[in-house]
Amino acid sequence: MNNEMGFTLLELLTSLTIIGILTAIAIPQYSKYRMRAFDTRAESDLRNVALAEEAYFIGAEHYLSCSQDECTELPGIARLSDGVSLAIVSEELSFTGTASHPQGSGETLRWDSEQGGLQ
C-alpha cells in the first residue's frame, strides 16, 4: 500500500483559484477603505478648526484667516493631521474653510459658517 500523504494537483489549483478570487475582491475594497480614512482625517481637521474659529471669534470679535500650521494658533488646535491641506478664509463676520488629503478621494471638503457647516 502507498501511505504517502499530500495534496493532489486539483486540490492545489482549486485553493489557488479561491485565494485569487478573494484577493481580487479584497484589494479594491482596501483601497476604498484607505481613501475614506484619509477623507475622514481631512473632515475631522476641518471640523476642529471650524470650532476653534468660533471660540476665537468670541474673544477677538473677528475670525482668523489661516492655512496649515498657522491654524495651530487657534485655541485648542495643537497640530493638524499629517498630509491634510487646510485653508480658512475669513471675512468680517463669517469664514469658509477647505480641506483635502492627497491620498483621499480627491474631493475638497468645504465649511461655510454662514450656511451652517460642512457643505
N, C-alpha and C. Protein backbone atom coordinates (compact mmCIF):
# COMPACT_ATOMS: atom_id res chain seq x y z
N MET A 1 0.83 -1.18 0.00
CA MET A 1 0.00 0.00 0.00
C MET A 1 0.87 1.25 0.00
N ASN A 2 0.32 2.29 -0.57
CA ASN A 2 1.03 3.57 -0.65
C ASN A 2 0.54 4.46 0.46
N ASN A 3 1.39 4.79 1.43
CA ASN A 3 1.00 5.61 2.58
C ASN A 3 1.43 7.07 2.44
N GLU A 4 1.75 7.51 1.25
CA GLU A 4 2.18 8.90 1.08
C GLU A 4 0.98 9.82 1.24
N MET A 5 1.22 10.91 2.01
CA MET A 5 0.16 11.90 2.24
C MET A 5 0.53 13.15 1.44
N GLY A 6 -0.44 13.85 0.94
CA GLY A 6 -0.16 15.08 0.20
C GLY A 6 -1.42 15.57 -0.49
N PHE A 7 -1.26 16.65 -1.22
CA PHE A 7 -2.38 17.24 -1.94
C PHE A 7 -2.28 16.87 -3.41
N THR A 8 -3.43 16.72 -4.02
CA THR A 8 -3.44 16.46 -5.46
C THR A 8 -3.32 17.79 -6.20
N LEU A 9 -2.98 17.71 -7.45
CA LEU A 9 -2.86 18.92 -8.27
C LEU A 9 -4.19 19.66 -8.34
N LEU A 10 -5.28 18.94 -8.42
CA LEU A 10 -6.61 19.55 -8.48
C LEU A 10 -6.91 20.33 -7.20
N GLU A 11 -6.57 19.77 -6.05
CA GLU A 11 -6.79 20.46 -4.78
C GLU A 11 -5.97 21.75 -4.70
N LEU A 12 -4.73 21.70 -5.15
CA LEU A 12 -3.88 22.89 -5.13
C LEU A 12 -4.41 23.97 -6.07
N LEU A 13 -4.83 23.59 -7.26
CA LEU A 13 -5.37 24.56 -8.21
C LEU A 13 -6.67 25.18 -7.70
N THR A 14 -7.52 24.38 -7.08
CA THR A 14 -8.76 24.89 -6.50
C THR A 14 -8.46 25.90 -5.40
N SER A 15 -7.52 25.59 -4.54
CA SER A 15 -7.14 26.50 -3.45
C SER A 15 -6.59 27.81 -4.00
N LEU A 16 -5.72 27.72 -5.01
CA LEU A 16 -5.15 28.93 -5.60
C LEU A 16 -6.22 29.78 -6.28
N THR A 17 -7.19 29.14 -6.91
CA THR A 17 -8.28 29.87 -7.55
C THR A 17 -9.10 30.62 -6.52
N ILE A 18 -9.43 29.97 -5.43
CA ILE A 18 -10.21 30.62 -4.36
C ILE A 18 -9.43 31.79 -3.77
N ILE A 19 -8.15 31.61 -3.51
CA ILE A 19 -7.32 32.69 -2.96
C ILE A 19 -7.26 33.86 -3.95
N GLY A 20 -7.15 33.57 -5.24
CA GLY A 20 -7.12 34.61 -6.26
C GLY A 20 -8.40 35.41 -6.31
N ILE A 21 -9.54 34.73 -6.21
CA ILE A 21 -10.84 35.41 -6.22
C ILE A 21 -10.98 36.30 -4.99
N LEU A 22 -10.64 35.78 -3.83
CA LEU A 22 -10.72 36.59 -2.60
C LEU A 22 -9.80 37.80 -2.66
N THR A 23 -8.62 37.64 -3.21
CA THR A 23 -7.69 38.76 -3.35
C THR A 23 -8.24 39.81 -4.30
N ALA A 24 -8.83 39.38 -5.40
CA ALA A 24 -9.40 40.31 -6.37
C ALA A 24 -10.53 41.13 -5.76
N ILE A 25 -11.24 40.58 -4.82
CA ILE A 25 -12.31 41.30 -4.14
C ILE A 25 -11.75 42.21 -3.05
N ALA A 26 -10.77 41.74 -2.30
CA ALA A 26 -10.28 42.46 -1.13
C ALA A 26 -9.43 43.68 -1.46
N ILE A 27 -8.60 43.63 -2.48
CA ILE A 27 -7.69 44.74 -2.76
C ILE A 27 -8.44 46.03 -3.11
N PRO A 28 -9.43 46.02 -4.01
CA PRO A 28 -10.16 47.28 -4.27
C PRO A 28 -10.91 47.79 -3.04
N GLN A 29 -11.45 46.89 -2.24
CA GLN A 29 -12.14 47.31 -1.02
C GLN A 29 -11.18 47.98 -0.05
N TYR A 30 -9.99 47.44 0.07
CA TYR A 30 -8.98 48.02 0.95
C TYR A 30 -8.58 49.41 0.48
N SER A 31 -8.45 49.59 -0.83
CA SER A 31 -8.10 50.90 -1.38
C SER A 31 -9.18 51.93 -1.08
N LYS A 32 -10.44 51.54 -1.23
CA LYS A 32 -11.55 52.44 -0.91
C LYS A 32 -11.56 52.78 0.58
N TYR A 33 -11.28 51.79 1.40
CA TYR A 33 -11.23 51.99 2.85
C TYR A 33 -10.16 53.02 3.21
N ARG A 34 -8.99 52.91 2.59
CA ARG A 34 -7.90 53.86 2.85
C ARG A 34 -8.28 55.27 2.41
N MET A 35 -8.90 55.40 1.23
CA MET A 35 -9.30 56.73 0.76
C MET A 35 -10.31 57.36 1.71
N ARG A 36 -11.29 56.58 2.17
CA ARG A 36 -12.28 57.10 3.11
C ARG A 36 -11.61 57.52 4.41
N ALA A 37 -10.62 56.77 4.86
CA ALA A 37 -9.91 57.12 6.10
C ALA A 37 -9.18 58.45 5.96
N PHE A 38 -8.53 58.68 4.82
CA PHE A 38 -7.84 59.95 4.61
C PHE A 38 -8.83 61.11 4.48
N ASP A 39 -9.97 60.87 3.82
CA ASP A 39 -11.00 61.90 3.74
C ASP A 39 -11.55 62.23 5.13
N THR A 40 -11.70 61.22 5.96
CA THR A 40 -12.19 61.43 7.33
C THR A 40 -11.20 62.25 8.14
N ARG A 41 -9.91 62.03 7.93
CA ARG A 41 -8.89 62.86 8.60
C ARG A 41 -9.08 64.33 8.23
N ALA A 42 -9.24 64.59 6.94
CA ALA A 42 -9.41 65.97 6.47
C ALA A 42 -10.68 66.57 7.04
N GLU A 43 -11.77 65.80 7.05
CA GLU A 43 -13.04 66.30 7.60
C GLU A 43 -12.91 66.60 9.08
N SER A 44 -12.26 65.73 9.81
CA SER A 44 -12.08 65.93 11.25
C SER A 44 -11.27 67.20 11.53
N ASP A 45 -10.18 67.39 10.80
CA ASP A 45 -9.38 68.60 10.99
C ASP A 45 -10.19 69.85 10.65
N LEU A 46 -10.97 69.79 9.58
CA LEU A 46 -11.78 70.94 9.19
C LEU A 46 -12.82 71.27 10.26
N ARG A 47 -13.49 70.25 10.79
CA ARG A 47 -14.47 70.48 11.86
C ARG A 47 -13.81 71.07 13.11
N ASN A 48 -12.65 70.53 13.48
CA ASN A 48 -11.96 71.03 14.68
C ASN A 48 -11.51 72.48 14.51
N VAL A 49 -10.99 72.81 13.34
CA VAL A 49 -10.57 74.20 13.10
C VAL A 49 -11.78 75.12 13.05
N ALA A 50 -12.90 74.67 12.50
CA ALA A 50 -14.11 75.49 12.47
C ALA A 50 -14.60 75.79 13.89
N LEU A 51 -14.58 74.79 14.75
CA LEU A 51 -14.97 75.02 16.15
C LEU A 51 -13.99 75.96 16.84
N ALA A 52 -12.71 75.82 16.55
CA ALA A 52 -11.71 76.71 17.13
C ALA A 52 -11.89 78.14 16.61
N GLU A 53 -12.29 78.29 15.36
CA GLU A 53 -12.57 79.63 14.81
C GLU A 53 -13.71 80.29 15.58
N GLU A 54 -14.75 79.53 15.89
CA GLU A 54 -15.87 80.09 16.65
C GLU A 54 -15.42 80.51 18.05
N ALA A 55 -14.58 79.71 18.68
CA ALA A 55 -14.05 80.06 20.00
C ALA A 55 -13.17 81.31 19.91
N TYR A 56 -12.38 81.41 18.86
CA TYR A 56 -11.51 82.57 18.66
C TYR A 56 -12.36 83.83 18.46
N PHE A 57 -13.47 83.70 17.73
CA PHE A 57 -14.34 84.83 17.44
C PHE A 57 -14.94 85.42 18.72
N ILE A 58 -15.25 84.57 19.68
CA ILE A 58 -15.85 85.05 20.94
C ILE A 58 -14.93 86.05 21.63
N GLY A 59 -13.64 85.78 21.65
CA GLY A 59 -12.71 86.68 22.32
C GLY A 59 -12.23 87.83 21.45
N ALA A 60 -11.99 87.57 20.17
CA ALA A 60 -11.37 88.58 19.31
C ALA A 60 -12.38 89.38 18.48
N GLU A 61 -13.60 88.90 18.40
CA GLU A 61 -14.68 89.52 17.62
C GLU A 61 -14.36 89.59 16.12
N HIS A 62 -13.51 88.71 15.66
CA HIS A 62 -13.26 88.52 14.23
C HIS A 62 -12.69 87.11 14.04
N TYR A 63 -12.79 86.63 12.82
CA TYR A 63 -12.25 85.31 12.51
C TYR A 63 -10.81 85.44 12.02
N LEU A 64 -10.06 84.37 12.08
CA LEU A 64 -8.66 84.35 11.69
C LEU A 64 -8.49 83.58 10.39
N SER A 65 -7.93 84.23 9.38
CA SER A 65 -7.57 83.51 8.15
C SER A 65 -6.29 82.74 8.41
N CYS A 66 -6.26 81.50 8.00
CA CYS A 66 -5.05 80.70 8.24
C CYS A 66 -4.97 79.55 7.25
N SER A 67 -3.80 78.99 7.16
CA SER A 67 -3.60 77.77 6.38
C SER A 67 -2.58 76.91 7.08
N GLN A 68 -2.78 75.60 6.97
CA GLN A 68 -1.86 74.62 7.54
C GLN A 68 -1.43 74.95 8.96
N ASP A 69 -0.13 75.16 9.17
CA ASP A 69 0.42 75.33 10.51
C ASP A 69 -0.03 76.62 11.19
N GLU A 70 -0.42 77.63 10.41
CA GLU A 70 -0.92 78.87 11.00
C GLU A 70 -2.19 78.62 11.82
N CYS A 71 -2.95 77.62 11.45
CA CYS A 71 -4.20 77.32 12.16
C CYS A 71 -3.95 76.80 13.57
N THR A 72 -2.73 76.39 13.86
CA THR A 72 -2.43 75.92 15.22
C THR A 72 -2.41 77.07 16.22
N GLU A 73 -2.48 78.32 15.74
CA GLU A 73 -2.58 79.47 16.64
C GLU A 73 -3.97 79.57 17.24
N LEU A 74 -4.93 78.90 16.66
CA LEU A 74 -6.30 78.92 17.18
C LEU A 74 -6.35 78.15 18.49
N PRO A 75 -7.23 78.56 19.41
CA PRO A 75 -7.33 77.85 20.69
C PRO A 75 -7.78 76.40 20.50
N GLY A 76 -7.08 75.48 21.12
CA GLY A 76 -7.46 74.07 21.09
C GLY A 76 -6.88 73.28 19.93
N ILE A 77 -6.13 73.92 19.05
CA ILE A 77 -5.54 73.21 17.91
C ILE A 77 -4.03 73.11 18.14
N ALA A 78 -3.57 71.93 18.46
CA ALA A 78 -2.13 71.72 18.69
C ALA A 78 -1.42 71.45 17.38
N ARG A 79 -2.00 70.59 16.56
CA ARG A 79 -1.44 70.29 15.24
C ARG A 79 -2.51 69.63 14.39
N LEU A 80 -2.30 69.69 13.09
CA LEU A 80 -3.21 69.05 12.15
C LEU A 80 -2.68 67.69 11.76
N SER A 81 -3.53 66.87 11.21
CA SER A 81 -3.12 65.54 10.75
C SER A 81 -2.11 65.67 9.62
N ASP A 82 -1.20 64.73 9.56
CA ASP A 82 -0.18 64.74 8.51
C ASP A 82 -0.83 64.62 7.14
N GLY A 83 -0.39 65.47 6.21
CA GLY A 83 -0.85 65.39 4.84
C GLY A 83 -2.11 66.17 4.52
N VAL A 84 -2.81 66.66 5.51
CA VAL A 84 -4.06 67.38 5.26
C VAL A 84 -3.74 68.80 4.80
N SER A 85 -4.34 69.20 3.67
CA SER A 85 -4.24 70.57 3.18
C SER A 85 -5.48 71.31 3.66
N LEU A 86 -5.27 72.36 4.43
CA LEU A 86 -6.39 73.07 5.04
C LEU A 86 -6.17 74.57 4.89
N ALA A 87 -7.23 75.30 4.59
CA ALA A 87 -7.16 76.75 4.49
C ALA A 87 -8.47 77.35 4.98
N ILE A 88 -8.35 78.44 5.72
CA ILE A 88 -9.51 79.19 6.20
C ILE A 88 -9.41 80.60 5.64
N VAL A 89 -10.47 81.06 5.01
CA VAL A 89 -10.54 82.44 4.52
C VAL A 89 -11.65 83.12 5.30
N SER A 90 -11.28 84.20 6.00
CA SER A 90 -12.27 84.86 6.85
C SER A 90 -12.71 86.18 6.25
N GLU A 91 -13.94 86.51 6.57
CA GLU A 91 -14.49 87.83 6.29
C GLU A 91 -14.81 88.44 7.64
N GLU A 92 -15.47 89.56 7.65
CA GLU A 92 -15.72 90.24 8.92
C GLU A 92 -16.53 89.38 9.89
N LEU A 93 -17.62 88.81 9.42
CA LEU A 93 -18.50 88.04 10.31
C LEU A 93 -18.71 86.60 9.87
N SER A 94 -17.88 86.10 9.00
CA SER A 94 -18.03 84.71 8.56
C SER A 94 -16.68 84.19 8.07
N PHE A 95 -16.64 82.90 7.81
CA PHE A 95 -15.43 82.29 7.25
C PHE A 95 -15.81 81.07 6.44
N THR A 96 -14.95 80.72 5.51
CA THR A 96 -15.09 79.47 4.78
C THR A 96 -13.77 78.72 4.90
N GLY A 97 -13.88 77.43 4.97
CA GLY A 97 -12.69 76.60 5.09
C GLY A 97 -12.73 75.46 4.08
N THR A 98 -11.57 75.06 3.63
CA THR A 98 -11.46 73.92 2.73
C THR A 98 -10.40 72.97 3.26
N ALA A 99 -10.60 71.70 3.01
CA ALA A 99 -9.64 70.69 3.45
C ALA A 99 -9.67 69.52 2.48
N SER A 100 -8.51 68.92 2.29
CA SER A 100 -8.40 67.72 1.46
C SER A 100 -7.15 66.97 1.86
N HIS A 101 -7.08 65.74 1.42
CA HIS A 101 -5.88 64.93 1.65
C HIS A 101 -5.48 64.33 0.31
N PRO A 102 -4.18 64.41 -0.05
CA PRO A 102 -3.76 63.91 -1.37
C PRO A 102 -3.99 62.42 -1.58
N GLN A 103 -4.08 61.64 -0.52
CA GLN A 103 -4.32 60.21 -0.66
C GLN A 103 -5.79 59.85 -0.50
N GLY A 104 -6.63 60.88 -0.35
CA GLY A 104 -8.07 60.65 -0.24
C GLY A 104 -8.71 60.49 -1.61
N SER A 105 -10.00 60.75 -1.67
CA SER A 105 -10.76 60.57 -2.91
C SER A 105 -10.51 61.68 -3.92
N GLY A 106 -9.84 62.75 -3.50
CA GLY A 106 -9.63 63.90 -4.38
C GLY A 106 -10.67 64.98 -4.17
N GLU A 107 -11.67 64.69 -3.37
CA GLU A 107 -12.72 65.65 -3.07
C GLU A 107 -12.18 66.70 -2.09
N THR A 108 -12.52 67.97 -2.33
CA THR A 108 -12.18 69.04 -1.40
C THR A 108 -13.40 69.32 -0.55
N LEU A 109 -13.25 69.16 0.74
CA LEU A 109 -14.36 69.41 1.67
C LEU A 109 -14.45 70.91 1.93
N ARG A 110 -15.66 71.41 2.10
CA ARG A 110 -15.86 72.85 2.28
C ARG A 110 -16.73 73.11 3.51
N TRP A 111 -16.31 74.08 4.32
CA TRP A 111 -17.06 74.50 5.51
C TRP A 111 -17.45 75.96 5.30
N ASP A 112 -18.72 76.26 5.47
CA ASP A 112 -19.20 77.64 5.34
C ASP A 112 -19.93 78.00 6.62
N SER A 113 -19.41 78.99 7.35
CA SER A 113 -20.01 79.34 8.64
C SER A 113 -21.37 80.00 8.46
N GLU A 114 -21.61 80.67 7.33
CA GLU A 114 -22.90 81.31 7.10
C GLU A 114 -23.99 80.29 6.78
N GLN A 115 -23.62 79.21 6.10
CA GLN A 115 -24.60 78.20 5.72
C GLN A 115 -24.69 77.07 6.72
N GLY A 116 -23.97 77.18 7.82
CA GLY A 116 -24.16 76.24 8.91
C GLY A 116 -23.30 75.00 8.91
N GLY A 117 -22.14 75.05 8.30
CA GLY A 117 -21.24 73.91 8.46
C GLY A 117 -20.74 73.32 7.18
N LEU A 118 -20.55 72.01 7.21
CA LEU A 118 -19.97 71.27 6.10
C LEU A 118 -20.92 71.27 4.92
N GLN A 119 -20.41 71.59 3.77
CA GLN A 119 -21.24 71.68 2.56
C GLN A 119 -21.02 70.49 1.66
